[in-house]
Amino acid sequence: MESRPVAAPIGIFDSGIGGLTVAHQVQRALPQESLLYFGDTAHMPYGDKSQVTIQSYSIKIAHALLEKGCKAILIACNSASAAAYELVREYVGSRARVYNVIDPVVQYTAQHHAGQQVGLIGTKQTISSGLFSAKFAATAPSVNLKPLATPLLAHMIEQGFYNNSVSQHIIHSYLQDETLRGIDSLILGCTHYPLIKEEVSTFFEEKVTMLDTSKIVAEFLRKELEKEGLLNDGVPEPPQFLVSDFTASFEASARHFFGEPVHLEKYPLWD
């Protein structure tokens, strides 16, 4: 593998604002690391797009992150992790470490929620791929996974509708599905969903354990970089943000998560 300096940034990408939940937790878990975030805001969200389309965008973004010298790339999107992780790893794995947001969650759930009925909500692409189900069947057969596609939620969150009456109505409409009846815990299988975690928990009267993928993935990444000897021991650079299109919602969300004004650099992806 081509050597990259440990002070090089960690690249994180998603279709829009959802991956910011992961980036925020990565910053908390790894405060000494420099972060470079790519939000593909021109094509958000990925959940209702084809596998081939998601793969095309993901490869272009991975190339952009490599151009910026990233030592590791985290696909902070469940849809892209399901559709494009293997391809991205094949394409850039010799030049940077590549991680997804599905494997850490499966490992964590297998360790801490074996024998439980575990719900999973996510985009149409994430659920229809069957990847979560296949991985649980192979590594944690005692987990009774109950997947449910909730395609409107990412759109809703991208448009700023959360923690209000609109989001409450849509969330309740989905979570009433009998697929989720009797679950012990729930995987928030889209990186947008931590933004509605409290609303989801309230629906279940706080009796269902919320598995926040952003926190699980951030801790996994910390351990992996430590194991690989890639942790930075110097002073980090401020977070950098690339976007394929300027959107007010992305800028506001980035400012909210990182607690300071952010500068967005436009890096268009050609269809």
Protein backbone atom coordinates (compact mmCIF):
# COMPACT_ATOMS: atom_id res chain seq x y z
CA MET A 1 0.00 0.00 0.00
CA GLU A 2 1.23 3.48 -0.86
CA SER A 3 2.40 5.22 2.31
CA ARG A 4 0.58 8.37 3.39
CA PRO A 5 1.70 10.49 6.35
CA VAL A 6 -0.20 9.99 9.61
CA ALA A 7 -0.89 13.74 9.66
CA ALA A 8 -2.86 13.43 6.40
CA PRO A 9 -6.62 14.00 6.72
CA ILE A 10 -9.38 11.45 7.07
CA GLY A 11 -11.77 11.72 4.14
CA ILE A 12 -15.48 11.28 4.88
CA PHE A 13 -18.24 11.38 2.30
CA ASP A 14 -22.00 11.18 2.03
CA SER A 15 -24.70 12.34 -0.34
CA GLY A 16 -25.44 15.37 1.84
CA ILE A 17 -25.86 16.30 5.47
CA GLY A 18 -26.38 12.82 6.93
CA GLY A 19 -22.69 12.00 7.06
CA LEU A 20 -22.11 15.11 9.15
CA THR A 21 -23.47 13.11 12.10
CA VAL A 22 -20.62 10.65 11.55
CA ALA A 23 -18.03 13.38 10.97
CA HIS A 24 -19.07 15.07 14.21
CA GLN A 25 -18.64 11.85 16.19
CA VAL A 26 -15.31 11.14 14.46
CA GLN A 27 -14.09 14.57 15.52
CA ARG A 28 -15.12 13.82 19.12
CA ALA A 29 -13.47 10.37 19.09
CA LEU A 30 -10.36 11.56 17.23
CA PRO A 31 -9.86 15.24 18.12
CA GLN A 32 -6.24 15.15 16.94
CA GLU A 33 -7.23 14.23 13.36
CA SER A 34 -7.80 16.55 10.41
CA LEU A 35 -11.09 15.89 8.62
CA LEU A 36 -12.05 16.44 4.99
CA TYR A 37 -15.76 16.03 4.31
CA PHE A 38 -17.34 15.67 0.88
CA GLY A 39 -21.09 16.26 0.64
CA ASP A 40 -22.53 15.28 -2.74
CA THR A 41 -25.29 17.84 -2.35
CA ALA A 42 -26.02 17.97 -6.09
CA HIS A 43 -27.27 14.37 -5.99
CA MET A 44 -28.71 13.95 -2.49
CA PRO A 45 -30.00 11.65 -1.22
CA TYR A 46 -28.57 8.41 -2.61
CA GLY A 47 -31.20 6.10 -1.16
CA ASP A 48 -33.50 5.99 -4.19
CA LYS A 49 -30.76 5.86 -6.85
CA SER A 50 -29.48 2.79 -8.70
CA GLN A 51 -26.42 0.87 -7.61
CA VAL A 52 -24.55 1.83 -10.78
CA THR A 53 -25.27 5.53 -10.25
CA ILE A 54 -24.14 5.44 -6.61
CA GLN A 55 -20.98 3.59 -7.62
CA SER A 56 -20.18 6.23 -10.23
CA TYR A 57 -20.54 9.10 -7.75
CA SER A 58 -18.60 7.24 -5.05
CA ILE A 59 -15.61 6.56 -7.30
CA LYS A 60 -15.45 10.22 -8.36
CA ILE A 61 -15.59 11.36 -4.74
CA ALA A 62 -12.94 8.86 -3.69
CA HIS A 63 -10.70 10.25 -6.44
CA ALA A 64 -11.28 13.80 -5.13
CA LEU A 65 -10.36 12.74 -1.59
CA LEU A 66 -7.21 11.02 -2.83
CA GLU A 67 -6.24 14.20 -4.68
CA LYS A 68 -6.47 15.97 -1.33
CA GLY A 69 -4.06 13.46 0.20
CA CYS A 70 -6.42 11.56 2.51
CA LYS A 71 -4.89 8.61 4.38
CA ALA A 72 -8.27 6.97 4.96
CA ILE A 73 -11.72 7.22 3.38
CA LEU A 74 -14.90 6.57 5.36
CA ILE A 75 -18.04 6.04 3.31
CA ALA A 76 -20.42 7.75 5.74
CA CYS A 77 -23.55 6.67 3.91
CA ASN A 78 -25.34 3.35 4.28
CA SER A 79 -26.63 3.40 0.70
CA ALA A 80 -23.14 4.00 -0.71
CA SER A 81 -21.65 1.49 1.73
CA ALA A 82 -24.09 -1.14 0.45
CA ALA A 83 -23.73 -0.27 -3.23
CA ALA A 84 -20.13 0.85 -3.65
CA TYR A 85 -17.83 -0.14 -0.77
CA GLU A 86 -16.23 -3.13 -2.48
CA LEU A 87 -15.70 -1.17 -5.69
CA VAL A 88 -14.23 1.86 -3.90
CA ARG A 89 -11.91 -0.37 -1.88
CA GLU A 90 -10.75 -2.09 -5.07
CA TYR A 91 -10.21 1.28 -6.76
CA VAL A 92 -8.37 3.15 -3.98
CA GLY A 93 -7.43 0.48 -1.44
CA SER A 94 -3.77 0.54 -2.45
CA ARG A 95 -3.58 4.28 -1.75
CA ALA A 96 -5.80 4.80 1.31
CA ARG A 97 -7.63 2.73 3.90
CA VAL A 98 -11.33 2.42 3.07
CA TYR A 99 -14.10 1.89 5.64
CA ASN A 100 -17.89 1.65 5.51
CA VAL A 101 -20.66 2.22 8.04
CA ILE A 102 -22.29 -1.22 7.84
CA ASP A 103 -19.62 -3.65 9.04
CA PRO A 104 -18.95 -1.81 12.34
CA VAL A 105 -22.67 -1.80 13.17
CA VAL A 106 -23.08 -5.50 12.41
CA GLN A 107 -20.07 -6.30 14.60
CA TYR A 108 -21.32 -4.11 17.46
CA THR A 109 -24.85 -5.53 17.31
CA ALA A 110 -23.55 -9.11 17.24
CA GLN A 111 -21.47 -8.43 20.36
CA HIS A 112 -24.02 -6.48 22.39
CA HIS A 113 -27.47 -7.56 21.17
CA ALA A 114 -27.16 -11.26 20.39
CA GLY A 115 -30.44 -13.15 20.70
CA GLN A 116 -32.54 -10.01 20.35
CA GLN A 117 -35.15 -8.90 17.88
CA VAL A 118 -33.40 -6.01 16.15
CA GLY A 119 -35.21 -3.59 13.89
CA LEU A 120 -33.46 -1.85 11.01
CA ILE A 121 -34.70 1.26 9.25
CA GLY A 122 -32.94 2.66 6.20
CA THR A 123 -33.25 3.86 2.64
CA LYS A 124 -34.71 1.75 -0.13
CA GLN A 125 -31.20 1.06 -1.50
CA THR A 126 -29.85 -0.04 1.90
CA ILE A 127 -32.76 -2.36 2.67
CA SER A 128 -33.26 -3.80 -0.82
CA SER A 129 -29.54 -4.62 -1.12
CA GLY A 130 -30.05 -7.25 1.59
CA LEU A 131 -26.50 -6.61 2.78
CA PHE A 132 -27.39 -6.17 6.46
CA SER A 133 -29.47 -9.35 6.41
CA ALA A 134 -26.72 -11.33 4.70
CA LYS A 135 -24.03 -10.13 7.10
CA PHE A 136 -26.13 -10.90 10.18
CA ALA A 137 -27.01 -14.34 8.81
CA ALA A 138 -23.30 -15.06 8.30
CA THR A 139 -21.88 -13.62 11.53
CA ALA A 140 -24.71 -13.29 14.04
CA PRO A 141 -27.50 -15.76 13.24
CA SER A 142 -28.96 -15.35 16.75
CA VAL A 143 -29.98 -11.78 15.88
CA ASN A 144 -33.52 -11.72 14.50
CA LEU A 145 -33.25 -8.80 12.07
CA LYS A 146 -36.40 -6.97 11.04
CA PRO A 147 -35.62 -4.57 8.17
CA LEU A 148 -37.97 -1.81 7.04
CA ALA A 149 -37.41 0.67 4.21
CA THR A 150 -38.25 4.24 5.22
CA PRO A 151 -37.43 6.15 2.01
CA LEU A 152 -38.99 9.50 2.86
CA LEU A 153 -36.97 10.08 6.01
CA ALA A 154 -33.69 11.08 4.35
CA HIS A 155 -35.51 13.46 1.98
CA MET A 156 -37.37 14.92 4.94
CA ILE A 157 -34.20 15.50 6.96
CA GLU A 158 -32.28 16.96 3.99
CA GLN A 159 -35.05 19.55 3.67
CA GLY A 160 -34.76 20.48 7.34
CA PHE A 161 -37.92 18.76 8.54
CA TYR A 162 -37.06 17.18 11.87
CA ASN A 163 -38.17 17.79 15.44
CA ASN A 164 -41.45 19.25 14.23
CA SER A 165 -45.01 18.17 13.46
CA VAL A 166 -44.19 17.19 9.87
CA SER A 167 -41.39 14.82 10.87
CA GLN A 168 -43.45 13.40 13.73
CA HIS A 169 -46.27 12.46 11.37
CA ILE A 170 -43.98 10.79 8.81
CA ILE A 171 -41.93 8.99 11.47
CA HIS A 172 -45.04 7.63 13.17
CA SER A 173 -46.46 6.47 9.82
CA TYR A 174 -43.39 4.32 9.24
CA LEU A 175 -42.74 3.05 12.73
CA GLN A 176 -46.30 1.80 13.15
CA ASP A 177 -45.51 -0.90 10.60
CA GLU A 178 -45.95 -4.32 12.17
CA THR A 179 -42.48 -5.32 10.95
CA LEU A 180 -41.08 -3.47 13.95
CA ARG A 181 -43.53 -4.84 16.48
CA GLY A 182 -41.80 -6.38 19.51
CA ILE A 183 -38.27 -5.24 18.71
CA ASP A 184 -35.73 -4.87 21.51
CA SER A 185 -33.40 -2.49 19.70
CA LEU A 186 -33.36 -0.49 16.49
CA ILE A 187 -30.50 0.18 14.08
CA LEU A 188 -30.70 3.69 12.66
CA GLY A 189 -29.49 2.45 9.30
CA CYS A 190 -28.97 5.80 7.64
CA THR A 191 -26.49 8.42 8.75
CA HIS A 192 -29.25 11.04 8.57
CA TYR A 193 -31.25 9.28 11.27
CA PRO A 194 -29.33 10.36 14.40
CA LEU A 195 -30.98 13.73 13.76
CA ILE A 196 -34.36 12.12 14.52
CA LYS A 197 -33.14 9.67 17.19
CA GLU A 198 -35.06 11.36 19.99
CA GLU A 199 -38.28 11.43 17.96
CA VAL A 200 -37.90 7.73 17.15
CA SER A 201 -37.12 6.88 20.77
CA THR A 202 -40.17 8.83 21.92
CA PHE A 203 -42.39 6.84 19.56
CA PHE A 204 -41.23 3.63 21.26
CA GLU A 205 -41.71 5.26 24.67
CA GLU A 206 -37.95 4.89 25.24
CA LYS A 207 -38.37 1.12 25.65
CA VAL A 208 -36.33 0.27 22.55
CA THR A 209 -32.54 0.74 22.50
CA MET A 210 -31.45 3.11 19.74
CA LEU A 211 -28.29 1.96 17.94
CA ASP A 212 -26.73 5.21 16.78
CA THR A 213 -24.51 4.19 13.87
CA SER A 214 -22.52 7.43 13.93
CA LYS A 215 -21.11 6.76 17.43
CA ILE A 216 -20.47 3.09 16.70
CA VAL A 217 -18.61 3.88 13.46
CA ALA A 218 -16.50 6.65 15.03
CA GLU A 219 -15.25 4.35 17.78
CA PHE A 220 -14.57 1.60 15.25
CA LEU A 221 -12.55 4.02 13.11
CA ARG A 222 -10.48 5.13 16.11
CA LYS A 223 -9.55 1.53 16.90
CA GLU A 224 -8.74 0.71 13.28
CA LEU A 225 -6.45 3.70 12.77
CA GLU A 226 -4.70 2.94 16.05
CA LYS A 227 -4.19 -0.67 14.97
CA GLU A 228 -2.82 0.47 11.60
CA GLY A 229 -0.46 2.99 13.19
CA LEU A 230 -2.20 5.85 11.39
CA LEU A 231 -3.18 8.06 14.31
CA ASN A 232 -1.96 11.65 14.05
CA ASP A 233 0.05 12.85 17.05
CA GLY A 234 0.32 16.44 15.84
CA VAL A 235 -1.97 19.46 15.68
CA PRO A 236 -4.98 18.96 13.38
CA GLU A 237 -6.03 21.31 10.62
CA PRO A 238 -9.54 22.81 10.79
CA PRO A 239 -12.22 20.67 9.13
CA GLN A 240 -12.51 21.15 5.37
CA PHE A 241 -15.73 20.80 3.39
CA LEU A 242 -16.15 19.99 -0.28
CA VAL A 243 -19.60 20.04 -1.89
CA SER A 244 -20.80 19.24 -5.38
CA ASP A 245 -23.31 22.09 -5.08
CA PHE A 246 -23.90 24.90 -2.61
CA THR A 247 -26.99 24.48 -0.42
CA ALA A 248 -28.08 26.56 2.55
CA SER A 249 -29.18 23.47 4.49
CA PHE A 250 -25.73 21.86 4.23
CA GLU A 251 -23.92 25.00 5.34
CA ALA A 252 -26.29 25.47 8.29
CA SER A 253 -25.98 21.83 9.32
CA ALA A 254 -22.16 21.87 9.11
CA ARG A 255 -22.06 25.03 11.20
CA HIS A 256 -24.41 23.41 13.73
CA PHE A 257 -22.35 20.22 14.11
CA PHE A 258 -18.93 21.85 14.22
CA GLY A 259 -19.94 24.91 16.23
CA GLU A 260 -18.19 27.44 14.01
CA PRO A 261 -18.52 29.12 10.60
CA VAL A 262 -17.52 26.79 7.77
CA HIS A 263 -16.05 27.44 4.36
CA LEU A 264 -17.47 25.34 1.55
CA GLU A 265 -15.35 24.57 -1.50
CA LYS A 266 -17.29 23.59 -4.60
CA TYR A 267 -16.05 20.44 -6.32
CA PRO A 268 -18.62 19.53 -9.00
CA LEU A 269 -19.13 15.92 -10.05
CA TRP A 270 -19.99 15.44 -13.70
CA ASP A 271 -22.85 13.03 -14.40
